[in-house]
Amino acid sequence: MQILKNIRVIELGTYITGPAAGMHLADLGADVIKVERPGSGDPFRAFKGGLYSPHYQTYNRNKRSIALDTKDEDDLKVFNELIAGADVFIQNFRPGVADKLNVGEDTLRAINPKIIYCAISGFGQSGPAKDRPAYDTVAQAASGFLRLVTPPENPRVIGPAIADAITGQYAAMGILAALLERHDTGTGRRLDISMLEAMTHFNLDSFTHYFSMGEVMGPLSRPVVSQSYTFECADGKWIAIHLSSPTKFWEGLLEATGKQELNEDPRFNERLSRIEHQDDLIEIFTPVFKSESRDVWCERLLANEVPHSPAYDSDEALEDPQAKHLGIEVSATHAEMGEFRTVRPPYSFDGEAAKTVLPPPTLDEHGAQIRQELAQRKAG
């Protein structure tokens, strides 16, 4: 499933946004060459004295690594040779840093006019905030998203680095669009994308509610309207339920839990009333779900066609029969680092999923190989 097998990407990215964009393209078959600082590589490599952290592994599978210092004359020559044969360049530096590293757009476009130049930033390439440092939490907050996932009680930042990951995904989408256009025009594009812009677009629903209704959404706005719940079961495991609007799902929940009498309660016998009194429903159903194990509840809810799922932790999710059927977990063996386990890309093309994965490279693992390829191209 190497859909992008004829596309070469040069990634000079660190941490998450740039590497995530490169990973998405690599997952689709592109030859992604990760250019890293000699000696230390991508700062995300560092972990307990090593250079192969779980953070680094997450966003750097299916890539090749070469160590180059673009401020060094000889290394810059190698880098420029890579650019000459590349389709895409990705960097995620603050505005102005790329030029200091000799990898600005004008420099690279002089070498390869058709290249797609992708520059990822925190707040954009211009404006009063362009030089502000930005990490995941900062972008979530600036986009209005963080307030939607902040617990109303005991407020604190929770969850994964979603702004970083989402920005990388949007960047990959923009790159694919530019490649598609270049196929017709022969002209490369510069793609600028900031974490702020990516996350505000991802947060589009809350802005639409504000623009159209004057409603400022909060962390409970969507789960209340969608009638979403999560409950702890007798075995200490959790289950999630999403009733949405069809009445049959509410009635199925009552049948599964033996709480049909709630349909006679004016607080709950209509959807809008259930929305208004969700806290009361949570109070009623919390002890109910604690009376049986999660497996029992899943069986009962399934029998009554209630949309639900076990609320898995990461050590459980891939053991689910459906996840196993789909072959979501894949693995590969690295010559030095041993077994690498990961989650495959979500795509299936013509009914076939991409289940072959290359483990994340060690620093400069492919340096000699890439240099040899460049020499062969010169000789040819």
Protein backbone atom coordinates (compact mmCIF):
# COMPACT_ATOMS: atom_id res chain seq x y z
CA MET A 1 0.00 0.00 0.00
CA GLN A 2 2.72 2.43 -1.03
CA ILE A 3 0.39 5.03 -2.56
CA LEU A 4 3.05 7.78 -2.38
CA LYS A 5 6.01 5.56 -3.26
CA ASN A 6 7.30 8.02 -5.88
CA ILE A 7 7.26 11.00 -3.51
CA ARG A 8 10.39 12.00 -1.58
CA VAL A 9 10.05 14.16 1.51
CA ILE A 10 12.89 15.89 3.35
CA GLU A 11 11.88 16.56 6.94
CA LEU A 12 13.88 18.92 9.11
CA GLY A 13 11.41 18.69 11.97
CA THR A 14 11.60 18.27 15.71
CA TYR A 15 9.24 17.28 18.51
CA ILE A 16 5.75 16.60 17.07
CA THR A 17 4.20 18.88 14.43
CA GLY A 18 6.81 18.49 11.68
CA PRO A 19 7.53 14.81 12.39
CA ALA A 20 3.79 14.05 12.56
CA ALA A 21 3.28 15.56 9.11
CA GLY A 22 6.17 13.50 7.80
CA MET A 23 4.83 10.35 9.45
CA HIS A 24 1.44 10.67 7.74
CA LEU A 25 3.16 10.90 4.36
CA ALA A 26 5.50 8.03 5.23
CA ASP A 27 2.54 5.91 6.29
CA LEU A 28 1.18 6.43 2.77
CA GLY A 29 4.42 5.19 1.26
CA ALA A 30 6.48 8.36 0.72
CA ASP A 31 10.25 8.12 1.14
CA VAL A 32 10.64 10.43 4.13
CA ILE A 33 14.24 11.33 4.95
CA LYS A 34 14.56 12.79 8.42
CA VAL A 35 17.48 15.21 8.65
CA GLU A 36 18.76 15.43 12.23
CA ARG A 37 21.43 17.24 14.15
CA PRO A 38 24.61 15.15 14.42
CA GLY A 39 25.18 13.69 17.88
CA SER A 40 21.83 14.44 19.47
CA GLY A 41 19.26 14.30 16.67
CA ASP A 42 15.66 15.33 17.17
CA PRO A 43 15.36 16.57 20.79
CA PHE A 44 12.36 14.25 21.16
CA ARG A 45 14.80 11.32 21.03
CA ALA A 46 16.19 12.08 24.48
CA PHE A 47 14.84 9.76 27.17
CA LYS A 48 16.66 8.52 30.27
CA GLY A 49 20.04 8.97 28.62
CA GLY A 50 18.98 7.29 25.38
CA LEU A 51 18.05 8.47 21.90
CA TYR A 52 15.02 6.29 21.18
CA SER A 53 12.28 7.60 23.43
CA PRO A 54 8.64 6.47 23.20
CA HIS A 55 7.82 10.08 22.23
CA TYR A 56 10.22 9.89 19.29
CA GLN A 57 9.04 6.44 18.25
CA THR A 58 5.44 7.61 18.00
CA TYR A 59 5.99 10.08 15.17
CA ASN A 60 9.00 8.71 13.29
CA ARG A 61 8.19 5.25 11.97
CA ASN A 62 8.56 4.49 8.25
CA LYS A 63 11.34 7.09 7.89
CA ARG A 64 15.05 7.10 7.15
CA SER A 65 17.50 9.16 9.20
CA ILE A 66 20.58 11.09 8.14
CA ALA A 67 22.62 13.34 10.44
CA LEU A 68 23.54 16.66 8.84
CA ASP A 69 24.52 20.07 10.17
CA THR A 70 23.27 22.53 7.57
CA LYS A 71 25.66 25.16 8.93
CA ASP A 72 28.57 22.92 7.94
CA GLU A 73 29.69 23.43 4.36
CA ASP A 74 30.10 19.75 3.47
CA ASP A 75 26.88 18.69 5.18
CA LEU A 76 25.01 21.54 3.47
CA LYS A 77 26.14 20.23 0.09
CA VAL A 78 24.65 16.83 0.92
CA PHE A 79 21.46 18.48 2.14
CA ASN A 80 21.17 20.56 -1.04
CA GLU A 81 21.60 17.42 -3.13
CA LEU A 82 18.71 15.87 -1.23
CA ILE A 83 16.58 18.95 -1.89
CA ALA A 84 17.39 18.80 -5.61
CA GLY A 85 15.70 15.41 -5.85
CA ALA A 86 12.88 16.01 -3.38
CA ASP A 87 9.19 16.73 -3.80
CA VAL A 88 8.45 18.11 -0.34
CA PHE A 89 10.36 19.89 2.44
CA ILE A 90 8.94 20.14 5.97
CA GLN A 91 10.22 22.32 8.82
CA ASN A 92 8.60 23.49 12.05
CA PHE A 93 10.90 26.26 13.27
CA ARG A 94 9.97 29.67 14.56
CA PRO A 95 9.83 32.29 11.77
CA GLY A 96 13.33 33.29 10.67
CA VAL A 97 15.15 30.23 12.04
CA ALA A 98 15.04 28.33 8.75
CA ASP A 99 16.98 31.09 7.00
CA LYS A 100 19.67 30.97 9.71
CA LEU A 101 20.00 27.23 9.06
CA ASN A 102 20.35 27.79 5.30
CA VAL A 103 17.01 26.10 4.62
CA GLY A 104 14.74 29.08 3.88
CA GLU A 105 12.24 28.88 1.06
CA ASP A 106 14.11 31.14 -1.36
CA THR A 107 17.31 29.13 -0.91
CA LEU A 108 15.62 25.76 -1.46
CA ARG A 109 13.45 26.96 -4.34
CA ALA A 110 16.57 28.18 -6.15
CA ILE A 111 17.77 24.58 -5.97
CA ASN A 112 14.42 22.96 -6.77
CA PRO A 113 11.71 25.30 -8.13
CA LYS A 114 9.04 22.58 -8.00
CA ILE A 115 9.43 21.72 -4.33
CA ILE A 116 6.48 21.93 -1.94
CA TYR A 117 7.83 23.98 0.97
CA CYS A 118 5.89 23.41 4.21
CA ALA A 119 6.58 25.72 7.14
CA ILE A 120 4.80 24.89 10.40
CA SER A 121 4.77 27.47 13.18
CA GLY A 122 3.05 28.19 16.45
CA PHE A 123 1.30 31.47 15.66
CA GLY A 124 2.00 32.12 11.97
CA GLN A 125 4.75 33.73 9.92
CA SER A 126 3.67 37.32 10.63
CA GLY A 127 1.80 39.36 13.21
CA PRO A 128 2.38 40.42 16.82
CA ALA A 129 2.61 36.86 18.17
CA LYS A 130 4.75 35.28 15.45
CA ASP A 131 7.84 34.99 17.67
CA ARG A 132 6.08 33.62 20.74
CA PRO A 133 7.12 30.11 21.75
CA ALA A 134 4.29 27.63 21.28
CA TYR A 135 3.75 24.13 22.53
CA ASP A 136 0.66 21.95 22.53
CA THR A 137 -1.06 23.42 25.59
CA VAL A 138 -0.42 26.98 24.39
CA ALA A 139 -2.07 26.27 21.03
CA GLN A 140 -5.02 24.51 22.65
CA ALA A 141 -5.56 27.51 24.90
CA ALA A 142 -5.16 30.17 22.20
CA SER A 143 -7.64 28.40 19.91
CA GLY A 144 -10.41 28.17 22.50
CA PHE A 145 -10.14 24.39 22.60
CA LEU A 146 -8.52 23.92 26.00
CA ARG A 147 -11.53 25.29 27.86
CA LEU A 148 -13.67 22.60 26.21
CA VAL A 149 -11.60 19.79 27.71
CA THR A 150 -10.79 21.32 31.09
CA PRO A 151 -12.60 19.49 33.92
CA PRO A 152 -15.17 21.81 35.54
CA GLU A 153 -14.06 20.53 38.94
CA ASN A 154 -10.37 20.48 39.83
CA PRO A 155 -9.42 22.27 36.56
CA ARG A 156 -6.18 21.10 35.02
CA VAL A 157 -4.71 20.32 31.61
CA ILE A 158 -5.61 16.77 30.60
CA GLY A 159 -5.25 14.47 27.64
CA PRO A 160 -2.66 13.91 24.90
CA ALA A 161 -0.82 16.46 22.75
CA ILE A 162 -3.78 16.91 20.46
CA ALA A 163 -2.82 20.33 19.04
CA ASP A 164 0.57 19.04 17.95
CA ALA A 165 -0.90 15.94 16.33
CA ILE A 166 -3.77 17.76 14.65
CA THR A 167 -1.43 20.40 13.20
CA GLY A 168 0.75 17.67 11.71
CA GLN A 169 -2.29 16.04 10.16
CA TYR A 170 -3.52 19.31 8.64
CA ALA A 171 -0.02 19.94 7.29
CA ALA A 172 0.03 16.54 5.61
CA MET A 173 -3.39 17.25 4.07
CA GLY A 174 -2.19 20.58 2.71
CA ILE A 175 0.94 18.96 1.28
CA LEU A 176 -1.14 16.35 -0.52
CA ALA A 177 -3.32 19.09 -2.02
CA ALA A 178 -0.22 20.96 -3.22
CA LEU A 179 1.20 17.79 -4.75
CA LEU A 180 -2.08 17.16 -6.56
CA GLU A 181 -2.06 20.67 -7.97
CA ARG A 182 1.60 20.40 -8.98
CA HIS A 183 0.75 17.32 -11.01
CA ASP A 184 -1.38 19.58 -13.22
CA THR A 185 0.62 22.82 -13.14
CA GLY A 186 4.21 21.74 -12.57
CA THR A 187 4.50 24.51 -9.97
CA GLY A 188 5.45 24.07 -6.35
CA ARG A 189 3.72 25.86 -3.51
CA ARG A 190 4.70 27.24 -0.14
CA LEU A 191 2.40 25.92 2.57
CA ASP A 192 2.25 27.87 5.83
CA ILE A 193 0.29 26.37 8.67
CA SER A 194 0.27 27.38 12.32
CA MET A 195 -0.87 25.50 15.37
CA LEU A 196 -3.24 28.36 16.13
CA GLU A 197 -4.92 28.14 12.72
CA ALA A 198 -5.06 24.35 12.74
CA MET A 199 -6.65 24.18 16.17
CA THR A 200 -9.19 26.93 15.52
CA HIS A 201 -10.31 25.00 12.45
CA PHE A 202 -10.43 21.78 14.46
CA ASN A 203 -12.50 23.70 17.01
CA LEU A 204 -14.90 24.85 14.29
CA ASP A 205 -18.04 23.53 16.00
CA SER A 206 -17.67 25.82 18.99
CA PHE A 207 -17.16 28.89 16.78
CA THR A 208 -20.20 27.98 14.68
CA HIS A 209 -22.33 27.80 17.81
CA TYR A 210 -21.01 31.19 18.88
CA PHE A 211 -21.46 32.82 15.46
CA SER A 212 -24.95 31.46 14.85
CA MET A 213 -26.43 31.29 18.36
CA GLY A 214 -24.21 33.47 20.54
CA GLU A 215 -23.50 30.36 22.63
CA VAL A 216 -20.11 30.00 24.28
CA MET A 217 -19.64 26.27 24.62
CA GLY A 218 -18.08 24.69 27.69
CA PRO A 219 -16.71 21.24 28.51
CA LEU A 220 -20.19 19.83 29.13
CA SER A 221 -22.02 21.45 26.20
CA ARG A 222 -21.59 18.63 23.71
CA PRO A 223 -21.89 15.62 26.06
CA VAL A 224 -25.11 17.00 27.54
CA VAL A 225 -26.75 17.57 24.14
CA SER A 226 -25.47 14.30 22.69
CA GLN A 227 -26.48 12.47 25.88
CA SER A 228 -23.07 10.94 26.39
CA TYR A 229 -22.13 9.11 29.58
CA THR A 230 -19.34 7.13 31.14
CA PHE A 231 -19.86 4.92 34.17
CA GLU A 232 -17.70 2.78 36.41
CA CYS A 233 -18.75 -0.85 36.66
CA ALA A 234 -18.53 -3.35 39.52
CA ASP A 235 -15.10 -4.62 38.42
CA GLY A 236 -13.60 -1.11 38.42
CA LYS A 237 -13.69 -0.94 34.62
CA TRP A 238 -15.49 1.81 32.72
CA ILE A 239 -18.08 1.91 29.97
CA ALA A 240 -19.15 4.71 27.62
CA ILE A 241 -22.65 5.30 26.21
CA HIS A 242 -23.77 7.75 23.52
CA LEU A 243 -27.55 7.96 23.11
CA SER A 244 -27.69 10.83 20.59
CA SER A 245 -31.26 11.81 19.60
CA PRO A 246 -33.15 8.62 18.52
CA THR A 247 -35.67 7.65 21.21
CA LYS A 248 -34.97 3.94 20.66
CA PHE A 249 -31.53 4.26 22.25
CA TRP A 250 -32.97 5.80 25.41
CA GLU A 251 -35.59 3.07 25.57
CA GLY A 252 -32.91 0.44 24.99
CA LEU A 253 -30.91 1.82 27.92
CA LEU A 254 -33.95 1.57 30.17
CA GLU A 255 -34.56 -2.01 29.06
CA ALA A 256 -30.92 -2.98 29.60
CA THR A 257 -30.80 -1.47 33.08
CA GLY A 258 -34.34 -2.37 34.21
CA LYS A 259 -35.14 1.30 34.82
CA GLN A 260 -38.25 1.56 32.62
CA GLU A 261 -40.00 3.58 35.32
CA LEU A 262 -37.83 6.57 34.37
CA ASN A 263 -39.96 6.97 31.26
CA GLU A 264 -42.83 8.02 33.50
CA ASP A 265 -40.73 10.71 35.18
CA PRO A 266 -41.36 14.12 33.57
CA ARG A 267 -37.66 14.94 34.01
CA PHE A 268 -36.73 12.16 31.59
CA ASN A 269 -39.63 11.25 29.30
CA GLU A 270 -38.55 13.69 26.58
CA ARG A 271 -35.09 14.30 25.11
CA LEU A 272 -34.96 18.00 25.98
CA SER A 273 -35.92 17.16 29.55
CA ARG A 274 -33.17 14.54 29.72
CA ILE A 275 -30.71 17.14 28.48
CA GLU A 276 -31.82 19.54 31.19
CA HIS A 277 -31.58 16.89 33.89
CA GLN A 278 -28.47 14.96 32.83
CA ASP A 279 -26.90 15.38 36.27
CA ASP A 280 -29.91 13.63 37.77
CA LEU A 281 -29.57 10.78 35.30
CA ILE A 282 -25.89 10.38 36.12
CA GLU A 283 -26.76 10.23 39.81
CA ILE A 284 -29.39 7.56 39.16
CA PHE A 285 -27.33 5.38 36.82
CA THR A 286 -24.01 5.56 38.69
CA PRO A 287 -24.98 2.97 41.35
CA VAL A 288 -26.83 0.91 38.74
CA PHE A 289 -23.70 0.38 36.64
CA LYS A 290 -21.63 -0.34 39.74
CA SER A 291 -23.85 -3.34 40.40
CA GLU A 292 -22.49 -5.50 37.54
CA SER A 293 -19.24 -6.06 35.70
CA ARG A 294 -18.43 -4.26 32.47
CA ASP A 295 -18.78 -7.44 30.42
CA VAL A 296 -22.31 -7.93 31.75
CA TRP A 297 -23.29 -4.38 30.87
CA CYS A 298 -21.79 -4.64 27.38
CA GLU A 299 -23.81 -7.79 26.78
CA ARG A 300 -27.05 -6.18 27.95
CA LEU A 301 -26.50 -2.94 26.05
CA LEU A 302 -25.61 -4.82 22.87
CA ALA A 303 -28.75 -6.93 23.17
CA ASN A 304 -30.78 -3.73 23.29
CA GLU A 305 -28.83 -1.99 20.49
CA VAL A 306 -27.56 0.83 22.69
CA PRO A 307 -24.50 2.64 21.24
CA HIS A 308 -21.72 1.86 23.72
CA SER A 309 -18.18 0.66 24.16
CA PRO A 310 -15.92 -0.41 26.95
CA ALA A 311 -13.91 2.69 27.88
CA TYR A 312 -10.55 1.03 27.38
CA ASP A 313 -7.11 1.96 28.58
CA SER A 314 -4.27 1.55 26.07
CA ASP A 315 -3.39 -1.88 27.47
CA GLU A 316 -6.90 -3.14 26.62
CA ALA A 317 -8.06 -1.41 23.43
CA LEU A 318 -6.08 -3.47 20.94
CA GLU A 319 -7.16 -6.72 22.61
CA ASP A 320 -10.80 -6.07 21.65
CA PRO A 321 -11.99 -8.70 19.13
CA GLN A 322 -12.83 -6.05 16.53
CA ALA A 323 -9.41 -4.39 16.86
CA LYS A 324 -7.80 -7.81 16.48
CA HIS A 325 -9.96 -8.60 13.45
CA LEU A 326 -8.87 -5.35 11.78
CA GLY A 327 -5.21 -6.02 12.60
CA ILE A 328 -4.71 -2.58 14.08
CA GLU A 329 -1.60 -3.53 16.04
CA VAL A 330 1.45 -4.20 13.87
CA SER A 331 5.09 -4.77 14.66
CA ALA A 332 8.55 -4.84 13.14
CA THR A 333 12.03 -5.77 14.29
CA HIS A 334 14.82 -3.21 14.46
CA ALA A 335 18.34 -4.62 14.13
CA GLU A 336 19.54 -2.72 17.22
CA MET A 337 16.44 -1.79 19.21
CA GLY A 338 14.52 -5.06 18.95
CA GLU A 339 10.76 -5.39 18.53
CA PHE A 340 8.79 -2.28 17.67
CA ARG A 341 5.02 -2.40 18.19
CA THR A 342 2.70 0.30 16.91
CA VAL A 343 -0.71 1.05 15.44
CA ARG A 344 -1.03 0.80 11.66
CA PRO A 345 -2.34 3.62 9.48
CA PRO A 346 -6.15 3.70 9.36
CA TYR A 347 -6.46 3.48 5.58
CA SER A 348 -7.50 0.48 3.50
CA PHE A 349 -7.15 0.87 -0.26
CA ASP A 350 -9.10 -1.56 -2.41
CA GLY A 351 -9.83 -3.58 0.69
CA GLU A 352 -6.19 -3.89 1.73
CA ALA A 353 -4.70 -2.23 4.81
CA ALA A 354 -1.06 -1.21 5.17
CA LYS A 355 0.23 -3.63 7.80
CA THR A 356 3.95 -3.44 7.02
CA VAL A 357 5.83 -0.89 9.07
CA LEU A 358 9.45 0.22 9.33
CA PRO A 359 10.64 0.86 12.89
CA PRO A 360 11.76 4.40 13.76
CA PRO A 361 15.39 4.85 12.73
CA THR A 362 18.31 5.26 15.05
CA LEU A 363 20.20 8.49 14.57
CA ASP A 364 21.93 8.56 11.15
CA GLU A 365 20.94 4.95 10.57
CA HIS A 366 20.60 5.51 6.84
CA GLY A 367 23.27 8.18 6.39
CA ALA A 368 25.67 6.00 4.42
CA GLN A 369 22.88 4.52 2.31
CA ILE A 370 21.47 7.94 1.41
CA ARG A 371 24.90 9.33 0.53
CA GLN A 372 25.49 6.32 -1.72
CA GLU A 373 22.20 6.93 -3.47
CA LEU A 374 23.18 10.54 -4.11
CA ALA A 375 26.53 9.46 -5.50
CA GLN A 376 24.86 6.96 -7.83
CA ARG A 377 22.49 9.64 -9.07
CA LYS A 378 25.44 11.91 -9.85
CA ALA A 379 27.22 9.12 -11.66
CA GLY A 380 24.08 8.24 -13.63
